[in-house]
């Protein structure tokens, strides 16, 4: 059985693909797992823009290093 985070990412992917999303705003990047799924949607839809935010400063620093 797949972990819940994988199932949630798959659900996000399917919903955004069904909507033919070209612009996505994500509130709360956290570990970036959903961000990866949402970026894949934009790639598979032919491009677009992903804006993501993070409130927790320690996570923000971690993501800016990647």
Protein backbone atom coordinates (compact mmCIF):
# COMPACT_ATOMS: atom_id res chain seq x y z
CA UNK A 1 0.00 0.00 0.00
CA UNK A 2 1.32 3.43 -0.95
CA UNK A 3 2.09 5.99 1.76
CA UNK A 4 -0.55 8.68 2.27
CA UNK A 5 1.75 11.40 0.99
CA UNK A 6 2.11 9.58 -2.35
CA UNK A 7 -1.65 9.15 -2.63
CA UNK A 8 -2.21 12.83 -1.82
CA UNK A 9 0.36 13.85 -4.43
CA UNK A 10 -1.27 11.63 -7.02
CA UNK A 11 -4.67 13.13 -6.23
CA UNK A 12 -3.29 16.67 -6.58
CA UNK A 13 -1.70 15.69 -9.88
CA UNK A 14 -4.91 14.21 -11.28
CA UNK A 15 -7.06 17.17 -10.19
CA UNK A 16 -4.70 19.79 -11.60
CA UNK A 17 -4.31 17.84 -14.86
CA UNK A 18 -8.08 17.52 -15.20
CA UNK A 19 -8.37 21.31 -14.81
CA UNK A 20 -5.61 21.83 -17.40
CA UNK A 21 -3.87 24.10 -14.91
CA UNK A 22 -1.40 26.64 -16.22
CA UNK A 23 -0.99 28.67 -13.02
CA UNK A 24 -0.80 27.08 -9.58
CA UNK A 25 -0.38 28.76 -6.19
CA UNK A 26 0.65 26.54 -3.29
CA UNK A 27 0.46 27.76 0.30
CA UNK A 28 2.89 25.93 2.56
CA UNK A 29 5.72 24.19 0.72
CA UNK A 30 6.75 22.14 3.78
CA UNK A 31 9.00 19.38 2.42
CA UNK A 32 8.21 20.08 -1.24
CA UNK A 33 6.57 16.75 -2.07
CA UNK A 34 3.33 18.27 -3.33
CA UNK A 35 5.39 20.92 -5.14
CA UNK A 36 7.06 18.18 -7.16
CA UNK A 37 3.67 16.75 -8.18
CA UNK A 38 2.31 20.18 -9.09
CA UNK A 39 5.42 21.02 -11.12
CA UNK A 40 4.94 17.74 -13.01
CA UNK A 41 1.41 18.84 -13.89
CA UNK A 42 2.69 22.05 -15.43
CA UNK A 43 5.37 20.14 -17.33
CA UNK A 44 2.83 17.64 -18.66
CA UNK A 45 0.37 20.42 -19.52
CA UNK A 46 2.99 22.12 -21.68
CA UNK A 47 4.26 24.71 -19.21
CA UNK A 48 2.99 27.24 -16.76
CA UNK A 49 3.83 28.97 -13.52
CA UNK A 50 4.03 27.54 -10.01
CA UNK A 51 4.12 29.98 -7.10
CA UNK A 52 4.78 28.46 -3.72
CA UNK A 53 5.05 29.95 -0.23
CA UNK A 54 6.39 28.87 3.13
CA UNK A 55 5.79 30.53 6.48
CA UNK A 56 8.25 28.52 8.59
CA UNK A 57 11.68 30.23 8.27
CA UNK A 58 13.71 27.05 8.87
CA UNK A 59 12.00 25.30 5.97
CA UNK A 60 12.38 28.35 3.79
CA UNK A 61 16.13 28.32 4.28
CA UNK A 62 16.28 24.60 3.49
CA UNK A 63 14.40 25.01 0.20
CA UNK A 64 16.40 28.03 -0.91
CA UNK A 65 19.56 25.93 -0.71
CA UNK A 66 18.31 23.38 -3.20
